[in-house]
Every structure is written in structure tokens, then in C-alpha cells.
Amino acid sequence: MIVMILEKVPLRLRGELTRWLLEPHTGVFVGHVNAMVRDRLWEKCCKARGGAGGVLQIWSTNTEQRFKMRLHGRTRRRIVELEGLQLICIPDATDGEEAEEK
């Protein structure tokens, strides 16, 4: 199983992903593809994401967590590895866009 979450990417990229995956919510893609297709979709998204866009990919694998993740570009979160586990770090409100709104 694979999940891809796209933030602030061109519409044409989202359209291309619908050839391989389902889009149950805007920017969220889910499906089941082999490793070669998964890696090629990742490469395509990384190249076509645009300057402000970001891509998160999560896929099933044989690890302790039963999945792996990778990020590319500008996203609101980041991956932190702690003792072999991949965790998501959410910046506090004083960082990034939320701080600019004040």
C-alpha cells in the first residue's frame, strides 16, 4: 500500500497521479503499486512539485513500524528518526506561516 500527500503542487501533477492512485481527498493519494512504480511516482513528484510545493510518501514495508516515509520540498511537517523509528515533527506556532499571521 502507498499513500502520497501533496501540498501546493501544480494541478497537472495531481492529474497524472490519478492514473495510478485514487484521490479520496484533495492532495491525498492512496493505492497499491510495486516498488518500481512507487519510486518513479516519487521521482515525478519531486521534479514537478513547483517551488513552493511538497511531497510526502508513505508505503508498507517489512520494518518494526510496518511502513516507511520520505519527504521532499516544503511541507508543514518533517520526519525525525529516533532509535530506528520514523516520527513526524510539527513545528511550534512561533515558526513558519503561523508566526507571520500574528
PDB file of N, CA and C in Angstrom:
ATOM      1  N   MET A   1       0.833  -1.169   0.000  1.00  0.00           N
ATOM      2  CA  MET A   1       0.000   0.000   0.000  1.00  0.00           C
ATOM      3  C   MET A   1       0.880   1.237   0.000  1.00  0.00           C
ATOM      4  N   ILE A   2       0.405   2.279  -0.644  1.00  0.00           N
ATOM      5  CA  ILE A   2       1.139   3.536  -0.734  1.00  0.00           C
ATOM      6  C   ILE A   2       0.182   4.689  -0.484  1.00  0.00           C
ATOM      7  N   VAL A   3       0.690   5.711   0.215  1.00  0.00           N
ATOM      8  CA  VAL A   3      -0.049   6.954   0.431  1.00  0.00           C
ATOM      9  C   VAL A   3       0.883   8.088   0.043  1.00  0.00           C
ATOM     10  N   MET A   4       0.373   9.015  -0.763  1.00  0.00           N
ATOM     11  CA  MET A   4       1.140  10.202  -1.123  1.00  0.00           C
ATOM     12  C   MET A   4       0.301  11.425  -0.777  1.00  0.00           C
ATOM     13  N   ILE A   5       0.939  12.388  -0.122  1.00  0.00           N
ATOM     14  CA  ILE A   5       0.268  13.630   0.235  1.00  0.00           C
ATOM     15  C   ILE A   5       1.036  14.760  -0.432  1.00  0.00           C
ATOM     16  N   LEU A   6       0.322  15.524  -1.256  1.00  0.00           N
ATOM     17  CA  LEU A   6       0.924  16.621  -1.997  1.00  0.00           C
ATOM     18  C   LEU A   6       0.401  17.944  -1.463  1.00  0.00           C
ATOM     19  N   GLU A   7       1.296  18.893  -1.234  1.00  0.00           N
ATOM     20  CA  GLU A   7       0.934  20.223  -0.766  1.00  0.00           C
ATOM     21  C   GLU A   7       1.412  21.255  -1.768  1.00  0.00           C
ATOM     22  N   LYS A   8       0.500  22.114  -2.209  1.00  0.00           N
ATOM     23  CA  LYS A   8       0.826  23.249  -3.082  1.00  0.00           C
ATOM     24  C   LYS A   8       1.570  22.826  -4.340  1.00  0.00           C
ATOM     25  N   VAL A   9       1.062  21.817  -5.033  1.00  0.00           N
ATOM     26  CA  VAL A   9       1.675  21.343  -6.271  1.00  0.00           C
ATOM     27  C   VAL A   9       0.789  21.722  -7.454  1.00  0.00           C
ATOM     28  N   PRO A  10       1.334  21.738  -8.662  1.00  0.00           N
ATOM     29  CA  PRO A  10       0.516  22.036  -9.841  1.00  0.00           C
ATOM     30  C   PRO A  10      -0.597  21.009 -10.048  1.00  0.00           C
ATOM     31  N   LEU A  11      -1.739  21.463 -10.562  1.00  0.00           N
ATOM     32  CA  LEU A  11      -2.878  20.579 -10.799  1.00  0.00           C
ATOM     33  C   LEU A  11      -2.541  19.446 -11.755  1.00  0.00           C
ATOM     34  N   ARG A  12      -1.687  19.708 -12.743  1.00  0.00           N
ATOM     35  CA  ARG A  12      -1.346  18.658 -13.711  1.00  0.00           C
ATOM     36  C   ARG A  12      -0.658  17.476 -13.045  1.00  0.00           C
ATOM     37  N   LEU A  13       0.113  17.731 -11.985  1.00  0.00           N
ATOM     38  CA  LEU A  13       0.769  16.640 -11.258  1.00  0.00           C
ATOM     39  C   LEU A  13      -0.270  15.783 -10.542  1.00  0.00           C
ATOM     40  N   ARG A  14      -1.235  16.420  -9.921  1.00  0.00           N
ATOM     41  CA  ARG A  14      -2.307  15.657  -9.278  1.00  0.00           C
ATOM     42  C   ARG A  14      -3.068  14.833 -10.306  1.00  0.00           C
ATOM     43  N   GLY A  15      -3.303  15.396 -11.487  1.00  0.00           N
ATOM     44  CA  GLY A  15      -3.985  14.662 -12.538  1.00  0.00           C
ATOM     45  C   GLY A  15      -3.202  13.443 -12.997  1.00  0.00           C
ATOM     46  N   GLU A  16      -1.885  13.580 -13.092  1.00  0.00           N
ATOM     47  CA  GLU A  16      -1.047  12.451 -13.501  1.00  0.00           C
ATOM     48  C   GLU A  16      -1.078  11.326 -12.457  1.00  0.00           C
ATOM     49  N   LEU A  17      -1.111  11.690 -11.183  1.00  0.00           N
ATOM     50  CA  LEU A  17      -1.130  10.659 -10.138  1.00  0.00           C
ATOM     51  C   LEU A  17      -2.436   9.869 -10.131  1.00  0.00           C
ATOM     52  N   THR A  18      -3.532  10.484 -10.587  1.00  0.00           N
ATOM     53  CA  THR A  18      -4.810   9.763 -10.598  1.00  0.00           C
ATOM     54  C   THR A  18      -4.815   8.620 -11.600  1.00  0.00           C
ATOM     55  N   ARG A  19      -3.832   8.549 -12.463  1.00  0.00           N
ATOM     56  CA  ARG A  19      -3.705   7.402 -13.373  1.00  0.00           C
ATOM     57  C   ARG A  19      -3.303   6.137 -12.613  1.00  0.00           C
ATOM     58  N   TRP A  20      -2.618   6.319 -11.495  1.00  0.00           N
ATOM     59  CA  TRP A  20      -2.083   5.192 -10.733  1.00  0.00           C
ATOM     60  C   TRP A  20      -2.758   5.004  -9.381  1.00  0.00           C
ATOM     61  N   LEU A  21      -3.213   6.111  -8.784  1.00  0.00           N
ATOM     62  CA  LEU A  21      -3.715   6.081  -7.416  1.00  0.00           C
ATOM     63  C   LEU A  21      -5.081   6.752  -7.325  1.00  0.00           C
ATOM     64  N   LEU A  22      -5.822   6.460  -6.270  1.00  0.00           N
ATOM     65  CA  LEU A  22      -7.096   7.118  -6.010  1.00  0.00           C
ATOM     66  C   LEU A  22      -6.847   8.374  -5.178  1.00  0.00           C
ATOM     67  N   GLU A  23      -7.681   9.397  -5.382  1.00  0.00           N
ATOM     68  CA  GLU A  23      -7.564  10.641  -4.622  1.00  0.00           C
ATOM     69  C   GLU A  23      -8.821  10.825  -3.759  1.00  0.00           C
ATOM     70  N   PRO A  24      -8.845  10.229  -2.540  1.00  0.00           N
ATOM     71  CA  PRO A  24     -10.037  10.329  -1.707  1.00  0.00           C
ATOM     72  C   PRO A  24     -10.267  11.722  -1.128  1.00  0.00           C
ATOM     73  N   HIS A  25      -9.218  12.524  -1.059  1.00  0.00           N
ATOM     74  CA  HIS A  25      -9.311  13.892  -0.564  1.00  0.00           C
ATOM     75  C   HIS A  25      -8.288  14.704  -1.362  1.00  0.00           C
ATOM     76  N   THR A  26      -8.514  15.983  -1.500  1.00  0.00           N
ATOM     77  CA  THR A  26      -7.613  16.835  -2.269  1.00  0.00           C
ATOM     78  C   THR A  26      -6.169  16.686  -1.785  1.00  0.00           C
ATOM     79  N   GLY A  27      -5.294  16.287  -2.697  1.00  0.00           N
ATOM     80  CA  GLY A  27      -3.880  16.159  -2.384  1.00  0.00           C
ATOM     81  C   GLY A  27      -3.474  14.876  -1.692  1.00  0.00           C
ATOM     82  N   VAL A  28      -4.415  13.984  -1.401  1.00  0.00           N
ATOM     83  CA  VAL A  28      -4.118  12.709  -0.736  1.00  0.00           C
ATOM     84  C   VAL A  28      -4.382  11.583  -1.728  1.00  0.00           C
ATOM     85  N   PHE A  29      -3.376  10.769  -1.991  1.00  0.00           N
ATOM     86  CA  PHE A  29      -3.479   9.688  -2.965  1.00  0.00           C
ATOM     87  C   PHE A  29      -3.176   8.360  -2.287  1.00  0.00           C
ATOM     88  N   VAL A  30      -3.964   7.342  -2.619  1.00  0.00           N
ATOM     89  CA  VAL A  30      -3.835   6.027  -1.997  1.00  0.00           C
ATOM     90  C   VAL A  30      -3.897   4.969  -3.089  1.00  0.00           C
ATOM     91  N   GLY A  31      -3.106   3.911  -2.945  1.00  0.00           N
ATOM     92  CA  GLY A  31      -3.165   2.821  -3.908  1.00  0.00           C
ATOM     93  C   GLY A  31      -2.217   1.700  -3.542  1.00  0.00           C
ATOM     94  N   HIS A  32      -2.102   0.777  -4.486  1.00  0.00           N
ATOM     95  CA  HIS A  32      -1.220  -0.361  -4.309  1.00  0.00           C
ATOM     96  C   HIS A  32      -0.440  -0.532  -5.604  1.00  0.00           C
ATOM     97  N   VAL A  33       0.848  -0.218  -5.569  1.00  0.00           N
ATOM     98  CA  VAL A  33       1.714  -0.333  -6.747  1.00  0.00           C
ATOM     99  C   VAL A  33       2.995  -1.041  -6.325  1.00  0.00           C
ATOM    100  N   ASN A  34       3.748  -1.523  -7.316  1.00  0.00           N
ATOM    101  CA  ASN A  34       5.010  -2.191  -6.987  1.00  0.00           C
ATOM    102  C   ASN A  34       6.101  -1.145  -6.700  1.00  0.00           C
ATOM    103  N   ALA A  35       7.253  -1.601  -6.253  1.00  0.00           N
ATOM    104  CA  ALA A  35       8.332  -0.705  -5.825  1.00  0.00           C
ATOM    105  C   ALA A  35       8.848   0.164  -6.969  1.00  0.00           C
ATOM    106  N   MET A  36       8.918  -0.383  -8.173  1.00  0.00           N
ATOM    107  CA  MET A  36       9.404   0.395  -9.306  1.00  0.00           C
ATOM    108  C   MET A  36       8.461   1.559  -9.608  1.00  0.00           C
ATOM    109  N   VAL A  37       7.167   1.305  -9.636  1.00  0.00           N
ATOM    110  CA  VAL A  37       6.188   2.362  -9.899  1.00  0.00           C
ATOM    111  C   VAL A  37       6.213   3.375  -8.763  1.00  0.00           C
ATOM    112  N   ARG A  38       6.303   2.908  -7.519  1.00  0.00           N
ATOM    113  CA  ARG A  38       6.382   3.801  -6.357  1.00  0.00           C
ATOM    114  C   ARG A  38       7.550   4.769  -6.490  1.00  0.00           C
ATOM    115  N   ASP A  39       8.724   4.248  -6.844  1.00  0.00           N
ATOM    116  CA  ASP A  39       9.909   5.100  -6.980  1.00  0.00           C
ATOM    117  C   ASP A  39       9.791   6.060  -8.158  1.00  0.00           C
ATOM    118  N   ARG A  40       9.207   5.624  -9.240  1.00  0.00           N
ATOM    119  CA  ARG A  40       9.030   6.513 -10.399  1.00  0.00           C
ATOM    120  C   ARG A  40       8.006   7.609 -10.114  1.00  0.00           C
ATOM    121  N   LEU A  41       6.947   7.283  -9.380  1.00  0.00           N
ATOM    122  CA  LEU A  41       5.988   8.309  -8.974  1.00  0.00           C
ATOM    123  C   LEU A  41       6.659   9.332  -8.061  1.00  0.00           C
ATOM    124  N   TRP A  42       7.512   8.856  -7.171  1.00  0.00           N
ATOM    125  CA  TRP A  42       8.262   9.745  -6.274  1.00  0.00           C
ATOM    126  C   TRP A  42       9.142  10.698  -7.076  1.00  0.00           C
ATOM    127  N   GLU A  43       9.889  10.154  -8.024  1.00  0.00           N
ATOM    128  CA  GLU A  43      10.762  10.988  -8.855  1.00  0.00           C
ATOM    129  C   GLU A  43       9.958  12.028  -9.632  1.00  0.00           C
ATOM    130  N   LYS A  44       8.841  11.615 -10.209  1.00  0.00           N
ATOM    131  CA  LYS A  44       7.989  12.526 -10.970  1.00  0.00           C
ATOM    132  C   LYS A  44       7.482  13.652 -10.083  1.00  0.00           C
ATOM    133  N   CYS A  45       7.033  13.324  -8.875  1.00  0.00           N
ATOM    134  CA  CYS A  45       6.511  14.337  -7.959  1.00  0.00           C
ATOM    135  C   CYS A  45       7.603  15.297  -7.498  1.00  0.00           C
ATOM    136  N   CYS A  46       8.788  14.775  -7.238  1.00  0.00           N
ATOM    137  CA  CYS A  46       9.893  15.625  -6.795  1.00  0.00           C
ATOM    138  C   CYS A  46      10.298  16.621  -7.888  1.00  0.00           C
ATOM    139  N   LYS A  47      10.280  16.190  -9.132  1.00  0.00           N
ATOM    140  CA  LYS A  47      10.663  17.062 -10.239  1.00  0.00           C
ATOM    141  C   LYS A  47       9.585  18.081 -10.575  1.00  0.00           C
ATOM    142  N   ALA A  48       8.307  17.705 -10.443  1.00  0.00           N
ATOM    143  CA  ALA A  48       7.211  18.554 -10.913  1.00  0.00           C
ATOM    144  C   ALA A  48       6.496  19.303  -9.796  1.00  0.00           C
ATOM    145  N   ARG A  49       6.984  19.274  -8.574  1.00  0.00           N
ATOM    146  CA  ARG A  49       6.257  19.829  -7.442  1.00  0.00           C
ATOM    147  C   ARG A  49       6.145  21.349  -7.453  1.00  0.00           C
ATOM    148  N   GLY A  50       6.995  22.038  -8.179  1.00  0.00           N
ATOM    149  CA  GLY A  50       6.988  23.500  -8.158  1.00  0.00           C
ATOM    150  C   GLY A  50       7.839  24.010  -7.008  1.00  0.00           C
ATOM    151  N   GLY A  51       8.075  25.297  -6.980  1.00  0.00           N
ATOM    152  CA  GLY A  51       8.964  25.880  -5.973  1.00  0.00           C
ATOM    153  C   GLY A  51       8.431  25.849  -4.556  1.00  0.00           C
ATOM    154  N   ALA A  52       7.127  26.002  -4.382  1.00  0.00           N
ATOM    155  CA  ALA A  52       6.562  26.073  -3.038  1.00  0.00           C
ATOM    156  C   ALA A  52       5.928  24.761  -2.599  1.00  0.00           C
ATOM    157  N   GLY A  53       5.940  23.745  -3.445  1.00  0.00           N
ATOM    158  CA  GLY A  53       5.241  22.501  -3.147  1.00  0.00           C
ATOM    159  C   GLY A  53       6.048  21.520  -2.327  1.00  0.00           C
ATOM    160  N   GLY A  54       5.324  20.526  -1.805  1.00  0.00           N
ATOM    161  CA  GLY A  54       5.962  19.486  -1.024  1.00  0.00           C
ATOM    162  C   GLY A  54       5.268  18.153  -1.226  1.00  0.00           C
ATOM    163  N   VAL A  55       6.023  17.074  -1.019  1.00  0.00           N
ATOM    164  CA  VAL A  55       5.511  15.724  -1.235  1.00  0.00           C
ATOM    165  C   VAL A  55       5.898  14.849  -0.041  1.00  0.00           C
ATOM    166  N   LEU A  56       4.928  14.069   0.443  1.00  0.00           N
ATOM    167  CA  LEU A  56       5.157  13.068   1.480  1.00  0.00           C
ATOM    168  C   LEU A  56       4.707  11.733   0.914  1.00  0.00           C
ATOM    169  N   GLN A  57       5.559  10.726   1.025  1.00  0.00           N
ATOM    170  CA  GLN A  57       5.205   9.388   0.552  1.00  0.00           C
ATOM    171  C   GLN A  57       5.369   8.401   1.706  1.00  0.00           C
ATOM    172  N   ILE A  58       4.352   7.559   1.895  1.00  0.00           N
ATOM    173  CA  ILE A  58       4.365   6.520   2.931  1.00  0.00           C
ATOM    174  C   ILE A  58       4.032   5.208   2.248  1.00  0.00           C
ATOM    175  N   TRP A  59       4.789   4.155   2.540  1.00  0.00           N
ATOM    176  CA  TRP A  59       4.498   2.869   1.914  1.00  0.00           C
ATOM    177  C   TRP A  59       4.742   1.726   2.897  1.00  0.00           C
ATOM    178  N   SER A  60       4.021   0.643   2.671  1.00  0.00           N
ATOM    179  CA  SER A  60       4.147  -0.552   3.503  1.00  0.00           C
ATOM    180  C   SER A  60       5.475  -1.232   3.243  1.00  0.00           C
ATOM    181  N   THR A  61       6.096  -1.709   4.308  1.00  0.00           N
ATOM    182  CA  THR A  61       7.343  -2.439   4.177  1.00  0.00           C
ATOM    183  C   THR A  61       7.547  -3.300   5.424  1.00  0.00           C
ATOM    184  N   ASN A  62       8.569  -4.122   5.405  1.00  0.00           N
ATOM    185  CA  ASN A  62       8.825  -5.058   6.494  1.00  0.00           C
ATOM    186  C   ASN A  62       9.785  -4.431   7.509  1.00  0.00           C
ATOM    187  N   THR A  63       9.302  -3.453   8.271  1.00  0.00           N
ATOM    188  CA  THR A  63      10.075  -2.830   9.341  1.00  0.00           C
ATOM    189  C   THR A  63       9.280  -2.949  10.637  1.00  0.00           C
ATOM    190  N   GLU A  64       9.853  -2.461  11.707  1.00  0.00           N
ATOM    191  CA  GLU A  64       9.171  -2.504  13.004  1.00  0.00           C
ATOM    192  C   GLU A  64       7.843  -1.754  12.955  1.00  0.00           C
ATOM    193  N   GLN A  65       7.812  -0.608  12.273  1.00  0.00           N
ATOM    194  CA  GLN A  65       6.585   0.182  12.167  1.00  0.00           C
ATOM    195  C   GLN A  65       5.643  -0.329  11.081  1.00  0.00           C
ATOM    196  N   ARG A  66       6.148  -1.182  10.207  1.00  0.00           N
ATOM    197  CA  ARG A  66       5.390  -1.737   9.069  1.00  0.00           C
ATOM    198  C   ARG A  66       5.197  -0.731   7.938  1.00  0.00           C
ATOM    199  N   PHE A  67       5.908   0.403   7.984  1.00  0.00           N
ATOM    200  CA  PHE A  67       5.869   1.378   6.897  1.00  0.00           C
ATOM    201  C   PHE A  67       7.123   2.232   6.942  1.00  0.00           C
ATOM    202  N   LYS A  68       7.382   2.944   5.841  1.00  0.00           N
ATOM    203  CA  LYS A  68       8.480   3.913   5.750  1.00  0.00           C
ATOM    204  C   LYS A  68       7.909   5.184   5.173  1.00  0.00           C
ATOM    205  N   MET A  69       8.584   6.300   5.407  1.00  0.00           N
ATOM    206  CA  MET A  69       8.150   7.604   4.913  1.00  0.00           C
ATOM    207  C   MET A  69       9.330   8.355   4.330  1.00  0.00           C
ATOM    208  N   ARG A  70       9.002   9.262   3.400  1.00  0.00           N
ATOM    209  CA  ARG A  70      10.003  10.200   2.906  1.00  0.00           C
ATOM    210  C   ARG A  70       9.308  11.497   2.509  1.00  0.00           C
ATOM    211  N   LEU A  71      10.030  12.609   2.665  1.00  0.00           N
ATOM    212  CA  LEU A  71       9.522  13.942   2.369  1.00  0.00           C
ATOM    213  C   LEU A  71      10.437  14.633   1.372  1.00  0.00           C
ATOM    214  N   HIS A  72       9.853  15.506   0.565  1.00  0.00           N
ATOM    215  CA  HIS A  72      10.647  16.326  -0.342  1.00  0.00           C
ATOM    216  C   HIS A  72       9.962  17.667  -0.498  1.00  0.00           C
ATOM    217  N   GLY A  73      10.725  18.738  -0.459  1.00  0.00           N
ATOM    218  CA  GLY A  73      10.178  20.063  -0.677  1.00  0.00           C
ATOM    219  C   GLY A  73       9.682  20.704   0.601  1.00  0.00           C
ATOM    220  N   ARG A  74       8.818  21.691   0.403  1.00  0.00           N
ATOM    221  CA  ARG A  74       8.289  22.454   1.528  1.00  0.00           C
ATOM    222  C   ARG A  74       6.986  21.840   2.025  1.00  0.00           C
ATOM    223  N   THR A  75       7.010  21.324   3.222  1.00  0.00           N
ATOM    224  CA  THR A  75       5.822  20.776   3.849  1.00  0.00           C
ATOM    225  C   THR A  75       5.689  21.374   5.246  1.00  0.00           C
ATOM    226  N   ARG A  76       4.542  21.224   5.854  1.00  0.00           N
ATOM    227  CA  ARG A  76       4.319  21.755   7.199  1.00  0.00           C
ATOM    228  C   ARG A  76       4.896  20.852   8.276  1.00  0.00           C
ATOM    229  N   ARG A  77       5.384  19.707   7.895  1.00  0.00           N
ATOM    230  CA  ARG A  77       5.934  18.759   8.856  1.00  0.00           C
ATOM    231  C   ARG A  77       7.290  18.259   8.364  1.00  0.00           C
ATOM    232  N   ARG A  78       7.988  17.559   9.240  1.00  0.00           N
ATOM    233  CA  ARG A  78       9.236  16.922   8.818  1.00  0.00           C
ATOM    234  C   ARG A  78       9.376  15.586   9.526  1.00  0.00           C
ATOM    235  N   ILE A  79      10.183  14.725   8.950  1.00  0.00           N
ATOM    236  CA  ILE A  79      10.402  13.388   9.509  1.00  0.00           C
ATOM    237  C   ILE A  79      11.637  13.426  10.396  1.00  0.00           C
ATOM    238  N   VAL A  80      11.505  12.861  11.582  1.00  0.00           N
ATOM    239  CA  VAL A  80      12.616  12.752  12.523  1.00  0.00           C
ATOM    240  C   VAL A  80      12.769  11.277  12.850  1.00  0.00           C
ATOM    241  N   GLU A  81      14.007  10.790  12.793  1.00  0.00           N
ATOM    242  CA  GLU A  81      14.248   9.390  13.134  1.00  0.00           C
ATOM    243  C   GLU A  81      14.791   9.319  14.553  1.00  0.00           C
ATOM    244  N   LEU A  82      14.161   8.489  15.368  1.00  0.00           N
ATOM    245  CA  LEU A  82      14.554   8.343  16.762  1.00  0.00           C
ATOM    246  C   LEU A  82      14.623   6.861  17.090  1.00  0.00           C
ATOM    247  N   GLU A  83      15.823   6.376  17.343  1.00  0.00           N
ATOM    248  CA  GLU A  83      16.064   4.975  17.689  1.00  0.00           C
ATOM    249  C   GLU A  83      15.438   4.022  16.670  1.00  0.00           C
ATOM    250  N   GLY A  84      15.584   4.357  15.388  1.00  0.00           N
ATOM    251  CA  GLY A  84      15.098   3.491  14.329  1.00  0.00           C
ATOM    252  C   GLY A  84      13.640   3.681  13.955  1.00  0.00           C
ATOM    253  N   LEU A  85      12.928   4.558  14.655  1.00  0.00           N
ATOM    254  CA  LEU A  85      11.533   4.838  14.336  1.00  0.00           C
ATOM    255  C   LEU A  85      11.418   6.186  13.627  1.00  0.00           C
ATOM    256  N   GLN A  86      10.582   6.222  12.613  1.00  0.00           N
ATOM    257  CA  GLN A  86      10.331   7.471  11.919  1.00  0.00           C
ATOM    258  C   GLN A  86       9.143   8.155  12.578  1.00  0.00           C
ATOM    259  N   LEU A  87       9.348   9.402  12.998  1.00  0.00           N
ATOM    260  CA  LEU A  87       8.308  10.178  13.654  1.00  0.00           C
ATOM    261  C   LEU A  87       8.092  11.474  12.888  1.00  0.00           C
ATOM    262  N   ILE A  88       6.932  12.084  13.076  1.00  0.00           N
ATOM    263  CA  ILE A  88       6.617  13.352  12.433  1.00  0.00           C
ATOM    264  C   ILE A  88       6.811  14.472  13.446  1.00  0.00           C
ATOM    265  N   CYS A  89       7.537  15.508  13.041  1.00  0.00           N
ATOM    266  CA  CYS A  89       7.756  16.685  13.872  1.00  0.00           C
ATOM    267  C   CYS A  89       6.904  17.817  13.295  1.00  0.00           C
ATOM    268  N   ILE A  90       6.097  18.422  14.164  1.00  0.00           N
ATOM    269  CA  ILE A  90       5.280  19.567  13.767  1.00  0.00           C
ATOM    270  C   ILE A  90       5.887  20.801  14.419  1.00  0.00           C
ATOM    271  N   PRO A  91       6.328  21.777  13.616  1.00  0.00           N
ATOM    272  CA  PRO A  91       6.946  22.974  14.203  1.00  0.00           C
ATOM    273  C   PRO A  91       5.969  23.706  15.118  1.00  0.00           C
ATOM    274  N   ASP A  92       6.502  24.385  16.135  1.00  0.00           N
ATOM    275  CA  ASP A  92       5.618  25.127  17.035  1.00  0.00           C
ATOM    276  C   ASP A  92       5.088  26.387  16.357  1.00  0.00           C
ATOM    277  N   ALA A  93       4.158  27.044  16.986  1.00  0.00           N
ATOM    278  CA  ALA A  93       3.458  28.186  16.390  1.00  0.00           C
ATOM    279  C   ALA A  93       4.363  29.380  16.147  1.00  0.00           C
ATOM    280  N   THR A  94       5.543  29.427  16.745  1.00  0.00           N
ATOM    281  CA  THR A  94       6.432  30.566  16.535  1.00  0.00           C
ATOM    282  C   THR A  94       7.246  30.440  15.259  1.00  0.00           C
ATOM    283  N   ASP A  95       7.152  29.290  14.581  1.00  0.00           N
ATOM    284  CA  ASP A  95       7.883  29.061  13.338  1.00  0.00           C
ATOM    285  C   ASP A  95       6.957  29.218  12.144  1.00  0.00           C
ATOM    286  N   GLY A  96       7.527  29.544  10.992  1.00  0.00           N
ATOM    287  CA  GLY A  96       6.825  29.462   9.716  1.00  0.00           C
ATOM    288  C   GLY A  96       5.646  30.394   9.547  1.00  0.00           C
ATOM    289  N   GLU A  97       4.634  29.905   8.837  1.00  0.00           N
ATOM    290  CA  GLU A  97       3.497  30.693   8.400  1.00  0.00           C
ATOM    291  C   GLU A  97       2.673  31.220   9.561  1.00  0.00           C
ATOM    292  N   GLU A  98       2.481  30.412  10.599  1.00  0.00           N
ATOM    293  CA  GLU A  98       1.629  30.835  11.713  1.00  0.00           C
ATOM    294  C   GLU A  98       2.214  32.064  12.401  1.00  0.00           C
ATOM    295  N   ALA A  99       3.522  32.141  12.474  1.00  0.00           N
ATOM    296  CA  ALA A  99       4.156  33.293  13.103  1.00  0.00           C
ATOM    297  C   ALA A  99       3.955  34.555  12.268  1.00  0.00           C
ATOM    298  N   GLU A 100       3.905  34.416  10.949  1.00  0.00           N
ATOM    299  CA  GLU A 100       3.723  35.564  10.069  1.00  0.00           C
ATOM    300  C   GLU A 100       2.317  36.124  10.147  1.00  0.00           C
ATOM    301  N   GLU A 101       1.339  35.309  10.510  1.00  0.00           N
ATOM    302  CA  GLU A 101      -0.051  35.760  10.579  1.00  0.00           C
ATOM    303  C   GLU A 101      -0.293  36.663  11.766  1.00  0.00           C
ATOM    304  N   LYS A 102       0.518  36.605  12.810  1.00  0.00           N
ATOM    305  CA  LYS A 102       0.298  37.387  14.041  1.00  0.00           C
ATOM    306  C   LYS A 102       0.573  38.858  13.843  1.00  0.00           C
TER     307      LYS A 102
END
